[in-house]
Amino acid sequence: MNLELLLIALAAGLAVLFVVWRIIATLRRQDCNSCGCPKPRA
């Protein structure tokens, strides 16, 4: 496997993990007004 492909795959994996972590953190906080979308309980 190419080193460049390995680095690209690693960067993509880290980006996906970061996005998933941000979504989980936002859902656990339950204040969606910080991200711009309306509150579910409003």
Protein backbone atom coordinates (compact mmCIF):
# COMPACT_ATOMS: atom_id res chain seq x y z
CA MET A 1 0.00 0.00 0.00
CA ASN A 2 1.24 3.48 -0.83
CA LEU A 3 2.32 5.73 2.01
CA GLU A 4 0.28 8.56 0.49
CA LEU A 5 -2.87 6.41 0.38
CA LEU A 6 -2.27 5.35 3.96
CA LEU A 7 -1.96 8.98 5.08
CA ILE A 8 -5.10 9.96 3.16
CA ALA A 9 -7.04 7.07 4.73
CA LEU A 10 -5.78 8.02 8.18
CA ALA A 11 -6.75 11.67 7.70
CA ALA A 12 -10.21 10.67 6.45
CA GLY A 13 -10.70 8.37 9.44
CA LEU A 14 -9.70 11.11 11.86
CA ALA A 15 -12.06 13.57 10.15
CA VAL A 16 -14.97 11.10 10.42
CA LEU A 17 -14.19 10.42 14.08
CA PHE A 18 -14.06 14.15 14.80
CA VAL A 19 -17.42 14.77 13.10
CA VAL A 20 -19.06 11.87 14.94
CA TRP A 21 -17.60 13.09 18.25
CA ARG A 22 -18.93 16.61 17.66
CA ILE A 23 -22.42 15.25 16.82
CA ILE A 24 -22.45 13.06 19.96
CA ALA A 25 -21.24 15.96 22.11
CA THR A 26 -23.96 18.23 20.68
CA LEU A 27 -26.69 15.62 21.21
CA ARG A 28 -25.55 14.92 24.77
CA ARG A 29 -25.53 18.65 25.61
CA GLN A 30 -29.11 19.07 24.29
CA ASP A 31 -28.71 22.78 23.48
CA CYS A 32 -28.98 22.89 19.72
CA ASN A 33 -29.17 26.69 19.55
CA SER A 34 -25.36 26.87 19.61
CA CYS A 35 -25.15 25.09 16.25
CA GLY A 36 -27.92 27.20 14.66
CA CYS A 37 -30.70 24.63 14.44
CA PRO A 38 -33.91 25.14 16.50
CA LYS A 39 -34.29 23.46 19.87
CA PRO A 40 -36.24 20.18 19.80
CA ARG A 41 -38.23 21.20 22.90
CA ALA A 42 -38.98 24.76 21.71
